[in-house]
PDB file of all heavy atoms in Angstrom:
ATOM      1  N   HIS A   1     -34.141  41.629 -30.860  1.00  0.00           N
ATOM      2  CA  HIS A   1     -32.759  41.394 -31.217  1.00  0.00           C
ATOM      3  C   HIS A   1     -32.755  41.566 -32.833  1.00  0.00           C
ATOM      4  O   HIS A   1     -31.703  41.072 -33.370  1.00  0.00           O
ATOM      5  CB  HIS A   1     -32.293  40.079 -30.903  1.00  0.00           C
ATOM      6  CG  HIS A   1     -32.039  39.875 -29.434  1.00  0.00           C
ATOM      7  ND1 HIS A   1     -33.035  39.758 -28.498  1.00  0.00           N
ATOM      8  CD2 HIS A   1     -30.871  39.793 -28.800  1.00  0.00           C
ATOM      9  CE1 HIS A   1     -32.489  39.606 -27.268  1.00  0.00           C
ATOM     10  NE2 HIS A   1     -31.105  39.583 -27.384  1.00  0.00           N
ATOM     11  N   HIS A   2     -33.778  42.007 -33.362  1.00  0.00           N
ATOM     12  CA  HIS A   2     -33.814  42.304 -34.780  1.00  0.00           C
ATOM     13  C   HIS A   2     -33.736  41.032 -35.602  1.00  0.00           C
ATOM     14  O   HIS A   2     -33.161  41.049 -36.769  1.00  0.00           O
ATOM     15  CB  HIS A   2     -32.784  43.403 -35.266  1.00  0.00           C
ATOM     16  CG  HIS A   2     -32.682  44.582 -34.413  1.00  0.00           C
ATOM     17  ND1 HIS A   2     -33.728  45.594 -34.537  1.00  0.00           N
ATOM     18  CD2 HIS A   2     -31.898  44.967 -33.475  1.00  0.00           C
ATOM     19  CE1 HIS A   2     -33.395  46.518 -33.675  1.00  0.00           C
ATOM     20  NE2 HIS A   2     -32.373  46.326 -32.987  1.00  0.00           N
ATOM     21  N   VAL A   3     -34.386  39.988 -35.076  1.00  0.00           N
ATOM     22  CA  VAL A   3     -34.408  38.702 -35.700  1.00  0.00           C
ATOM     23  C   VAL A   3     -35.844  38.352 -36.067  1.00  0.00           C
ATOM     24  O   VAL A   3     -36.593  38.184 -35.081  1.00  0.00           O
ATOM     25  CB  VAL A   3     -33.635  37.616 -34.842  1.00  0.00           C
ATOM     26  CG1 VAL A   3     -33.839  36.273 -35.583  1.00  0.00           C
ATOM     27  CG2 VAL A   3     -32.084  37.940 -34.878  1.00  0.00           C
ATOM     28  N   ARG A   4     -36.173  38.175 -37.158  1.00  0.00           N
ATOM     29  CA  ARG A   4     -37.547  37.791 -37.601  1.00  0.00           C
ATOM     30  C   ARG A   4     -37.529  36.326 -37.949  1.00  0.00           C
ATOM     31  O   ARG A   4     -36.817  36.051 -38.914  1.00  0.00           O
ATOM     32  CB  ARG A   4     -38.150  38.798 -38.702  1.00  0.00           C
ATOM     33  CG  ARG A   4     -38.181  40.214 -38.377  1.00  0.00           C
ATOM     34  CD  ARG A   4     -38.908  41.065 -39.255  1.00  0.00           C
ATOM     35  NE  ARG A   4     -39.031  42.408 -38.921  1.00  0.00           N
ATOM     36  CZ  ARG A   4     -39.965  42.884 -37.998  1.00  0.00           C
ATOM     37  NH1 ARG A   4     -40.854  42.063 -37.389  1.00  0.00           N
ATOM     38  NH2 ARG A   4     -39.883  44.164 -37.664  1.00  0.00           N
ATOM     39  N   LEU A   5     -38.506  35.611 -37.403  1.00  0.00           N
ATOM     40  CA  LEU A   5     -38.529  34.159 -37.651  1.00  0.00           C
ATOM     41  C   LEU A   5     -39.953  33.713 -38.058  1.00  0.00           C
ATOM     42  O   LEU A   5     -40.898  34.348 -37.588  1.00  0.00           O
ATOM     43  CB  LEU A   5     -38.227  33.376 -36.370  1.00  0.00           C
ATOM     44  CG  LEU A   5     -36.826  33.633 -35.827  1.00  0.00           C
ATOM     45  CD1 LEU A   5     -36.779  32.921 -34.461  1.00  0.00           C
ATOM     46  CD2 LEU A   5     -35.783  33.083 -36.720  1.00  0.00           C
ATOM     47  N   PRO A   6     -40.086  32.847 -39.013  1.00  0.00           N
ATOM     48  CA  PRO A   6     -41.381  32.382 -39.398  1.00  0.00           C
ATOM     49  C   PRO A   6     -41.932  31.565 -38.316  1.00  0.00           C
ATOM     50  O   PRO A   6     -41.289  31.123 -37.323  1.00  0.00           O
ATOM     51  CB  PRO A   6     -41.002  31.425 -40.569  1.00  0.00           C
ATOM     52  CG  PRO A   6     -39.630  31.088 -40.421  1.00  0.00           C
ATOM     53  CD  PRO A   6     -38.963  32.159 -39.808  1.00  0.00           C
ATOM     54  N   ASP A   7     -43.273  31.442 -38.217  1.00  0.00           N
ATOM     55  CA  ASP A   7     -43.979  30.786 -37.139  1.00  0.00           C
ATOM     56  C   ASP A   7     -43.411  29.401 -36.940  1.00  0.00           C
ATOM     57  O   ASP A   7     -43.265  29.056 -35.746  1.00  0.00           O
ATOM     58  CB  ASP A   7     -45.426  30.709 -37.573  1.00  0.00           C
ATOM     59  CG  ASP A   7     -46.206  32.069 -37.438  1.00  0.00           C
ATOM     60  OD1 ASP A   7     -45.524  33.030 -37.034  1.00  0.00           O
ATOM     61  OD2 ASP A   7     -47.285  32.162 -37.974  1.00  0.00           O
ATOM     62  N   ALA A   8     -43.057  28.596 -37.842  1.00  0.00           N
ATOM     63  CA  ALA A   8     -42.592  27.290 -37.654  1.00  0.00           C
ATOM     64  C   ALA A   8     -41.250  27.342 -36.923  1.00  0.00           C
ATOM     65  O   ALA A   8     -41.058  26.481 -36.003  1.00  0.00           O
ATOM     66  CB  ALA A   8     -42.439  26.560 -38.905  1.00  0.00           C
ATOM     67  N   ALA A   9     -40.401  28.223 -37.211  1.00  0.00           N
ATOM     68  CA  ALA A   9     -39.190  28.340 -36.465  1.00  0.00           C
ATOM     69  C   ALA A   9     -39.282  28.753 -35.110  1.00  0.00           C
ATOM     70  O   ALA A   9     -38.589  28.251 -34.142  1.00  0.00           O
ATOM     71  CB  ALA A   9     -38.292  29.290 -37.326  1.00  0.00           C
ATOM     72  N   VAL A  10     -40.239  29.681 -34.880  1.00  0.00           N
ATOM     73  CA  VAL A  10     -40.488  29.992 -33.504  1.00  0.00           C
ATOM     74  C   VAL A  10     -41.056  28.961 -32.661  1.00  0.00           C
ATOM     75  O   VAL A  10     -40.626  28.777 -31.491  1.00  0.00           O
ATOM     76  CB  VAL A  10     -41.609  31.253 -33.424  1.00  0.00           C
ATOM     77  CG1 VAL A  10     -42.010  31.526 -32.063  1.00  0.00           C
ATOM     78  CG2 VAL A  10     -40.974  32.479 -34.007  1.00  0.00           C
ATOM     79  N   ALA A  11     -41.961  28.139 -33.224  1.00  0.00           N
ATOM     80  CA  ALA A  11     -42.510  26.903 -32.500  1.00  0.00           C
ATOM     81  C   ALA A  11     -41.396  25.974 -32.207  1.00  0.00           C
ATOM     82  O   ALA A  11     -41.324  25.380 -31.178  1.00  0.00           O
ATOM     83  CB  ALA A  11     -43.599  26.308 -33.380  1.00  0.00           C
ATOM     84  N   ALA A  12     -40.505  25.717 -33.221  1.00  0.00           N
ATOM     85  CA  ALA A  12     -39.443  24.820 -33.078  1.00  0.00           C
ATOM     86  C   ALA A  12     -38.436  25.144 -31.955  1.00  0.00           C
ATOM     87  O   ALA A  12     -38.091  24.450 -31.151  1.00  0.00           O
ATOM     88  CB  ALA A  12     -38.714  24.477 -34.325  1.00  0.00           C
ATOM     89  N   LEU A  13     -38.086  26.611 -32.049  1.00  0.00           N
ATOM     90  CA  LEU A  13     -37.210  27.203 -31.001  1.00  0.00           C
ATOM     91  C   LEU A  13     -37.822  26.991 -29.583  1.00  0.00           C
ATOM     92  O   LEU A  13     -37.109  26.527 -28.656  1.00  0.00           O
ATOM     93  CB  LEU A  13     -36.775  28.514 -31.330  1.00  0.00           C
ATOM     94  CG  LEU A  13     -35.879  29.245 -30.469  1.00  0.00           C
ATOM     95  CD1 LEU A  13     -34.562  28.573 -30.336  1.00  0.00           C
ATOM     96  CD2 LEU A  13     -35.548  30.693 -30.946  1.00  0.00           C
ATOM     97  N   THR A  14     -39.088  27.318 -29.527  1.00  0.00           N
ATOM     98  CA  THR A  14     -39.698  27.393 -28.191  1.00  0.00           C
ATOM     99  C   THR A  14     -39.734  25.948 -27.626  1.00  0.00           C
ATOM    100  O   THR A  14     -39.580  25.670 -26.449  1.00  0.00           O
ATOM    101  CB  THR A  14     -41.092  27.892 -28.255  1.00  0.00           C
ATOM    102  OG1 THR A  14     -41.058  29.183 -28.928  1.00  0.00           O
ATOM    103  CG2 THR A  14     -41.716  28.047 -26.941  1.00  0.00           C
ATOM    104  N   GLU A  15     -40.048  25.026 -28.572  1.00  0.00           N
ATOM    105  CA  GLU A  15     -40.054  23.499 -28.136  1.00  0.00           C
ATOM    106  C   GLU A  15     -38.727  23.054 -27.758  1.00  0.00           C
ATOM    107  O   GLU A  15     -38.443  22.379 -26.680  1.00  0.00           O
ATOM    108  CB  GLU A  15     -40.609  22.725 -29.193  1.00  0.00           C
ATOM    109  CG  GLU A  15     -40.502  21.139 -28.972  1.00  0.00           C
ATOM    110  CD  GLU A  15     -41.496  20.777 -27.935  1.00  0.00           C
ATOM    111  OE1 GLU A  15     -42.475  21.406 -27.540  1.00  0.00           O
ATOM    112  OE2 GLU A  15     -41.233  19.686 -27.359  1.00  0.00           O
ATOM    113  N   HIS A  16     -37.690  23.481 -28.467  1.00  0.00           N
ATOM    114  CA  HIS A  16     -36.334  22.963 -28.205  1.00  0.00           C
ATOM    115  C   HIS A  16     -35.814  23.406 -26.843  1.00  0.00           C
ATOM    116  O   HIS A  16     -35.147  22.913 -26.108  1.00  0.00           O
ATOM    117  CB  HIS A  16     -35.396  23.424 -29.337  1.00  0.00           C
ATOM    118  CG  HIS A  16     -33.950  22.976 -29.167  1.00  0.00           C
ATOM    119  ND1 HIS A  16     -33.635  21.583 -29.142  1.00  0.00           N
ATOM    120  CD2 HIS A  16     -32.781  23.634 -29.060  1.00  0.00           C
ATOM    121  CE1 HIS A  16     -32.381  21.440 -29.058  1.00  0.00           C
ATOM    122  NE2 HIS A  16     -31.823  22.629 -28.949  1.00  0.00           N
ATOM    123  N   THR A  17     -36.104  24.745 -26.598  1.00  0.00           N
ATOM    124  CA  THR A  17     -35.739  25.361 -25.266  1.00  0.00           C
ATOM    125  C   THR A  17     -36.677  25.127 -24.132  1.00  0.00           C
ATOM    126  O   THR A  17     -36.379  25.499 -22.955  1.00  0.00           O
ATOM    127  CB  THR A  17     -35.342  26.928 -25.419  1.00  0.00           C
ATOM    128  OG1 THR A  17     -36.651  27.346 -25.865  1.00  0.00           O
ATOM    129  CG2 THR A  17     -34.364  27.087 -26.475  1.00  0.00           C
ATOM    130  N   GLN A  18     -37.996  24.680 -24.404  1.00  0.00           N
ATOM    131  CA  GLN A  18     -39.052  24.661 -23.472  1.00  0.00           C
ATOM    132  C   GLN A  18     -39.277  25.988 -22.786  1.00  0.00           C
ATOM    133  O   GLN A  18     -39.622  26.084 -21.596  1.00  0.00           O
ATOM    134  CB  GLN A  18     -38.739  23.518 -22.354  1.00  0.00           C
ATOM    135  CG  GLN A  18     -38.725  22.151 -22.985  1.00  0.00           C
ATOM    136  CD  GLN A  18     -40.020  21.547 -23.343  1.00  0.00           C
ATOM    137  OE1 GLN A  18     -40.812  21.406 -22.440  1.00  0.00           O
ATOM    138  NE2 GLN A  18     -40.288  21.437 -24.575  1.00  0.00           N
ATOM    139  N   GLY A  19     -38.956  27.114 -23.593  1.00  0.00           N
ATOM    140  CA  GLY A  19     -39.268  28.422 -23.174  1.00  0.00           C
ATOM    141  C   GLY A  19     -38.197  28.898 -22.144  1.00  0.00           C
ATOM    142  O   GLY A  19     -38.519  29.958 -21.440  1.00  0.00           O
ATOM    143  N   TRP A  20     -37.088  28.249 -22.040  1.00  0.00           N
ATOM    144  CA  TRP A  20     -36.030  28.687 -21.168  1.00  0.00           C
ATOM    145  C   TRP A  20     -35.423  29.993 -21.615  1.00  0.00           C
ATOM    146  O   TRP A  20     -34.966  30.166 -22.757  1.00  0.00           O
ATOM    147  CB  TRP A  20     -34.887  27.590 -21.053  1.00  0.00           C
ATOM    148  CG  TRP A  20     -33.717  28.016 -20.203  1.00  0.00           C
ATOM    149  CD1 TRP A  20     -33.818  28.682 -18.955  1.00  0.00           C
ATOM    150  CD2 TRP A  20     -32.333  27.780 -20.398  1.00  0.00           C
ATOM    151  NE1 TRP A  20     -32.520  28.678 -18.449  1.00  0.00           N
ATOM    152  CE2 TRP A  20     -31.563  28.125 -19.300  1.00  0.00           C
ATOM    153  CE3 TRP A  20     -31.754  27.094 -21.452  1.00  0.00           C
ATOM    154  CZ2 TRP A  20     -30.197  28.120 -19.245  1.00  0.00           C
ATOM    155  CZ3 TRP A  20     -30.400  26.913 -21.455  1.00  0.00           C
ATOM    156  CH2 TRP A  20     -29.659  27.511 -20.323  1.00  0.00           C
ATOM    157  N   ALA A  21     -35.584  31.084 -20.805  1.00  0.00           N
ATOM    158  CA  ALA A  21     -35.213  32.496 -21.325  1.00  0.00           C
ATOM    159  C   ALA A  21     -33.846  32.511 -21.835  1.00  0.00           C
ATOM    160  O   ALA A  21     -33.530  33.152 -22.803  1.00  0.00           O
ATOM    161  CB  ALA A  21     -35.530  33.432 -20.123  1.00  0.00           C
ATOM    162  N   ALA A  22     -32.916  31.978 -21.084  1.00  0.00           N
ATOM    163  CA  ALA A  22     -31.458  32.182 -21.412  1.00  0.00           C
ATOM    164  C   ALA A  22     -31.134  31.424 -22.674  1.00  0.00           C
ATOM    165  O   ALA A  22     -30.510  31.926 -23.573  1.00  0.00           O
ATOM    166  CB  ALA A  22     -30.534  31.637 -20.288  1.00  0.00           C
ATOM    167  N   GLY A  23     -31.778  30.245 -22.911  1.00  0.00           N
ATOM    168  CA  GLY A  23     -31.512  29.509 -24.098  1.00  0.00           C
ATOM    169  C   GLY A  23     -32.163  30.128 -25.343  1.00  0.00           C
ATOM    170  O   GLY A  23     -31.622  30.332 -26.305  1.00  0.00           O
ATOM    171  N   LEU A  24     -33.455  30.771 -25.077  1.00  0.00           N
ATOM    172  CA  LEU A  24     -33.978  31.643 -26.256  1.00  0.00           C
ATOM    173  C   LEU A  24     -33.159  32.824 -26.606  1.00  0.00           C
ATOM    174  O   LEU A  24     -32.793  33.033 -27.790  1.00  0.00           O
ATOM    175  CB  LEU A  24     -35.411  31.960 -25.787  1.00  0.00           C
ATOM    176  CG  LEU A  24     -36.481  30.994 -25.802  1.00  0.00           C
ATOM    177  CD1 LEU A  24     -37.687  31.457 -25.217  1.00  0.00           C
ATOM    178  CD2 LEU A  24     -36.811  30.645 -27.297  1.00  0.00           C
ATOM    179  N   ARG A  25     -32.741  33.565 -25.607  1.00  0.00           N
ATOM    180  CA  ARG A  25     -32.000  34.791 -25.940  1.00  0.00           C
ATOM    181  C   ARG A  25     -30.775  34.540 -26.616  1.00  0.00           C
ATOM    182  O   ARG A  25     -30.354  35.232 -27.537  1.00  0.00           O
ATOM    183  CB  ARG A  25     -31.971  35.583 -24.648  1.00  0.00           C
ATOM    184  CG  ARG A  25     -31.231  36.983 -25.010  1.00  0.00           C
ATOM    185  CD  ARG A  25     -30.929  37.993 -23.845  1.00  0.00           C
ATOM    186  NE  ARG A  25     -30.255  39.043 -24.313  1.00  0.00           N
ATOM    187  CZ  ARG A  25     -28.974  39.309 -24.123  1.00  0.00           C
ATOM    188  NH1 ARG A  25     -28.245  38.421 -23.472  1.00  0.00           N
ATOM    189  NH2 ARG A  25     -28.348  40.325 -24.669  1.00  0.00           N
ATOM    190  N   MET A  26     -29.983  33.634 -25.986  1.00  0.00           N
ATOM    191  CA  MET A  26     -28.615  33.388 -26.587  1.00  0.00           C
ATOM    192  C   MET A  26     -28.718  32.819 -28.032  1.00  0.00           C
ATOM    193  O   MET A  26     -27.810  32.948 -28.847  1.00  0.00           O
ATOM    194  CB  MET A  26     -27.720  32.543 -25.654  1.00  0.00           C
ATOM    195  CG  MET A  26     -27.482  33.325 -24.365  1.00  0.00           C
ATOM    196  SD  MET A  26     -26.281  32.405 -23.382  1.00  0.00           S
ATOM    197  CE  MET A  26     -26.179  33.580 -21.918  1.00  0.00           C
ATOM    198  N   THR A  27     -29.818  32.075 -28.222  1.00  0.00           N
ATOM    199  CA  THR A  27     -29.944  31.416 -29.520  1.00  0.00           C
ATOM    200  C   THR A  27     -30.245  32.579 -30.549  1.00  0.00           C
ATOM    201  O   THR A  27     -29.637  32.688 -31.665  1.00  0.00           O
ATOM    202  CB  THR A  27     -31.050  30.348 -29.615  1.00  0.00           C
ATOM    203  OG1 THR A  27     -30.695  29.286 -28.682  1.00  0.00           O
ATOM    204  CG2 THR A  27     -31.246  29.829 -31.026  1.00  0.00           C
ATOM    205  N   VAL A  28     -31.215  33.423 -30.230  1.00  0.00           N
ATOM    206  CA  VAL A  28     -31.534  34.528 -31.245  1.00  0.00           C
ATOM    207  C   VAL A  28     -30.325  35.454 -31.287  1.00  0.00           C
ATOM    208  O   VAL A  28     -30.159  36.023 -32.407  1.00  0.00           O
ATOM    209  CB  VAL A  28     -32.886  35.217 -30.802  1.00  0.00           C
ATOM    210  CG1 VAL A  28     -33.980  34.266 -30.873  1.00  0.00           C
ATOM    211  CG2 VAL A  28     -32.843  35.815 -29.475  1.00  0.00           C
ATOM    212  N   ARG A  29     -29.603  35.642 -30.260  1.00  0.00           N
ATOM    213  CA  ARG A  29     -28.413  36.531 -30.204  1.00  0.00           C
ATOM    214  C   ARG A  29     -27.401  35.902 -31.228  1.00  0.00           C
ATOM    215  O   ARG A  29     -26.777  36.616 -32.029  1.00  0.00           O
ATOM    216  CB  ARG A  29     -27.848  36.613 -28.837  1.00  0.00           C
ATOM    217  CG  ARG A  29     -26.707  37.619 -28.691  1.00  0.00           C
ATOM    218  CD  ARG A  29     -26.447  37.900 -27.250  1.00  0.00           C
ATOM    219  NE  ARG A  29     -25.232  38.693 -27.092  1.00  0.00           N
ATOM    220  CZ  ARG A  29     -24.028  38.112 -26.838  1.00  0.00           C
ATOM    221  NH1 ARG A  29     -23.863  36.835 -26.740  1.00  0.00           N
ATOM    222  NH2 ARG A  29     -23.007  39.021 -26.674  1.00  0.00           N
ATOM    223  N   ALA A  30     -27.193  34.635 -31.169  1.00  0.00           N
ATOM    224  CA  ALA A  30     -26.245  33.905 -32.113  1.00  0.00           C
ATOM    225  C   ALA A  30     -26.868  34.077 -33.508  1.00  0.00           C
ATOM    226  O   ALA A  30     -25.914  34.132 -34.469  1.00  0.00           O
ATOM    227  CB  ALA A  30     -26.205  32.480 -31.758  1.00  0.00           C
ATOM    228  N   MET A  31     -28.085  34.066 -33.770  1.00  0.00           N
ATOM    229  CA  MET A  31     -28.673  34.279 -35.154  1.00  0.00           C
ATOM    230  C   MET A  31     -28.229  35.634 -35.519  1.00  0.00           C
ATOM    231  O   MET A  31     -27.897  35.825 -36.704  1.00  0.00           O
ATOM    232  CB  MET A  31     -30.106  33.975 -35.003  1.00  0.00           C
ATOM    233  CG  MET A  31     -30.660  32.627 -34.943  1.00  0.00           C
ATOM    234  SD  MET A  31     -32.451  32.595 -34.779  1.00  0.00           S
ATOM    235  CE  MET A  31     -32.689  30.815 -34.484  1.00  0.00           C
ATOM    236  N   ARG A  32     -28.443  36.654 -34.693  1.00  0.00           N
ATOM    237  CA  ARG A  32     -28.095  38.004 -35.026  1.00  0.00           C
ATOM    238  C   ARG A  32     -26.637  38.097 -35.355  1.00  0.00           C
ATOM    239  O   ARG A  32     -26.274  38.753 -36.372  1.00  0.00           O
ATOM    240  CB  ARG A  32     -28.632  38.933 -33.933  1.00  0.00           C
ATOM    241  CG  ARG A  32     -28.148  40.325 -34.195  1.00  0.00           C
ATOM    242  CD  ARG A  32     -28.986  40.920 -35.310  1.00  0.00           C
ATOM    243  NE  ARG A  32     -28.823  42.375 -35.504  1.00  0.00           N
ATOM    244  CZ  ARG A  32     -29.162  43.069 -36.537  1.00  0.00           C
ATOM    245  NH1 ARG A  32     -29.734  42.433 -37.549  1.00  0.00           N
ATOM    246  NH2 ARG A  32     -29.000  44.322 -36.529  1.00  0.00           N
ATOM    247  N   HIS A  33     -25.794  37.388 -34.621  1.00  0.00           N
ATOM    248  CA  HIS A  33     -24.402  37.517 -34.814  1.00  0.00           C
ATOM    249  C   HIS A  33     -23.990  36.790 -36.103  1.00  0.00           C
ATOM    250  O   HIS A  33     -23.082  37.395 -36.754  1.00  0.00           O
ATOM    251  CB  HIS A  33     -23.591  36.916 -33.567  1.00  0.00           C
ATOM    252  CG  HIS A  33     -23.478  37.728 -32.387  1.00  0.00           C
ATOM    253  ND1 HIS A  33     -22.826  37.448 -31.289  1.00  0.00           N
ATOM    254  CD2 HIS A  33     -24.088  38.855 -32.084  1.00  0.00           C
ATOM    255  CE1 HIS A  33     -22.956  38.252 -30.408  1.00  0.00           C
ATOM    256  NE2 HIS A  33     -23.680  39.278 -30.832  1.00  0.00           N
ATOM    257  N   ARG A  34     -24.756  35.799 -36.353  1.00  0.00           N
ATOM    258  CA  ARG A  34     -24.455  35.115 -37.657  1.00  0.00           C
ATOM    259  C   ARG A  34     -24.696  35.954 -38.901  1.00  0.00           C
ATOM    260  O   ARG A  34     -23.953  35.998 -39.810  1.00  0.00           O
ATOM    261  CB  ARG A  34     -25.278  33.735 -37.717  1.00  0.00           C
ATOM    262  CG  ARG A  34     -24.856  32.885 -38.766  1.00  0.00           C
ATOM    263  CD  ARG A  34     -25.656  31.617 -38.910  1.00  0.00           C
ATOM    264  NE  ARG A  34     -25.610  30.910 -37.594  1.00  0.00           N
ATOM    265  CZ  ARG A  34     -26.775  30.825 -36.839  1.00  0.00           C
ATOM    266  NH1 ARG A  34     -27.836  31.259 -37.216  1.00  0.00           N
ATOM    267  NH2 ARG A  34     -26.677  30.223 -35.671  1.00  0.00           N
ATOM    268  N   GLN A  35     -25.876  36.744 -38.692  1.00  0.00           N
ATOM    269  CA  GLN A  35     -26.201  37.630 -39.889  1.00  0.00           C
ATOM    270  C   GLN A  35     -25.147  38.634 -40.026  1.00  0.00           C
ATOM    271  O   GLN A  35     -24.753  38.959 -41.207  1.00  0.00           O
ATOM    272  CB  GLN A  35     -27.436  38.283 -39.547  1.00  0.00           C
ATOM    273  CG  GLN A  35     -28.746  37.413 -39.597  1.00  0.00           C
ATOM    274  CD  GLN A  35     -29.932  38.093 -39.153  1.00  0.00           C
ATOM    275  OE1 GLN A  35     -30.018  39.191 -38.715  1.00  0.00           O
ATOM    276  NE2 GLN A  35     -31.146  37.299 -39.119  1.00  0.00           N
ATOM    277  N   ARG A  36     -24.624  39.094 -38.997  1.00  0.00           N
ATOM    278  CA  ARG A  36     -23.459  40.212 -39.094  1.00  0.00           C
ATOM    279  C   ARG A  36     -22.318  39.548 -39.560  1.00  0.00           C
ATOM    280  O   ARG A  36     -21.583  40.146 -40.364  1.00  0.00           O
ATOM    281  CB  ARG A  36     -23.434  40.847 -37.657  1.00  0.00           C
ATOM    282  CG  ARG A  36     -24.519  41.673 -37.183  1.00  0.00           C
ATOM    283  CD  ARG A  36     -24.216  42.236 -35.751  1.00  0.00           C
ATOM    284  NE  ARG A  36     -25.368  43.109 -35.366  1.00  0.00           N
ATOM    285  CZ  ARG A  36     -25.296  43.591 -34.237  1.00  0.00           C
ATOM    286  NH1 ARG A  36     -24.496  43.397 -33.331  1.00  0.00           N
ATOM    287  NH2 ARG A  36     -26.357  44.458 -33.864  1.00  0.00           N
ATOM    288  N   SER A  37     -21.951  38.365 -39.056  1.00  0.00           N
ATOM    289  CA  SER A  37     -20.663  37.825 -39.526  1.00  0.00           C
ATOM    290  C   SER A  37     -20.699  37.300 -40.942  1.00  0.00           C
ATOM    291  O   SER A  37     -19.755  37.382 -41.648  1.00  0.00           O
ATOM    292  CB  SER A  37     -20.360  36.486 -38.602  1.00  0.00           C
ATOM    293  OG  SER A  37     -21.341  35.489 -38.846  1.00  0.00           O
ATOM    294  N   ASP A  38     -21.909  36.924 -41.415  1.00  0.00           N
ATOM    295  CA  ASP A  38     -22.096  36.606 -42.895  1.00  0.00           C
ATOM    296  C   ASP A  38     -21.831  37.889 -43.723  1.00  0.00           C
ATOM    297  O   ASP A  38     -21.291  37.848 -44.781  1.00  0.00           O
ATOM    298  CB  ASP A  38     -23.508  36.124 -43.055  1.00  0.00           C
ATOM    299  CG  ASP A  38     -23.729  34.721 -42.497  1.00  0.00           C
ATOM    300  OD1 ASP A  38     -22.673  34.056 -42.233  1.00  0.00           O
ATOM    301  OD2 ASP A  38     -24.801  34.252 -42.499  1.00  0.00           O
ATOM    302  N   ALA A  39     -22.235  39.058 -43.096  1.00  0.00           N
ATOM    303  CA  ALA A  39     -22.088  40.294 -43.863  1.00  0.00           C
ATOM    304  C   ALA A  39     -20.675  40.806 -43.849  1.00  0.00           C
ATOM    305  O   ALA A  39     -20.060  41.278 -44.788  1.00  0.00           O
ATOM    306  CB  ALA A  39     -22.964  41.368 -43.376  1.00  0.00           C
TER     307      ALA A  39
END
């Protein structure tokens, strides 16, 4: 999704979602949308 995260952020996101695929994908998708909306 063209989102690069530091290791600590990846670990926190994986822990928060417990690896749930939909939760991970929609969170990184929201991050990508936020980057675009900020621009």
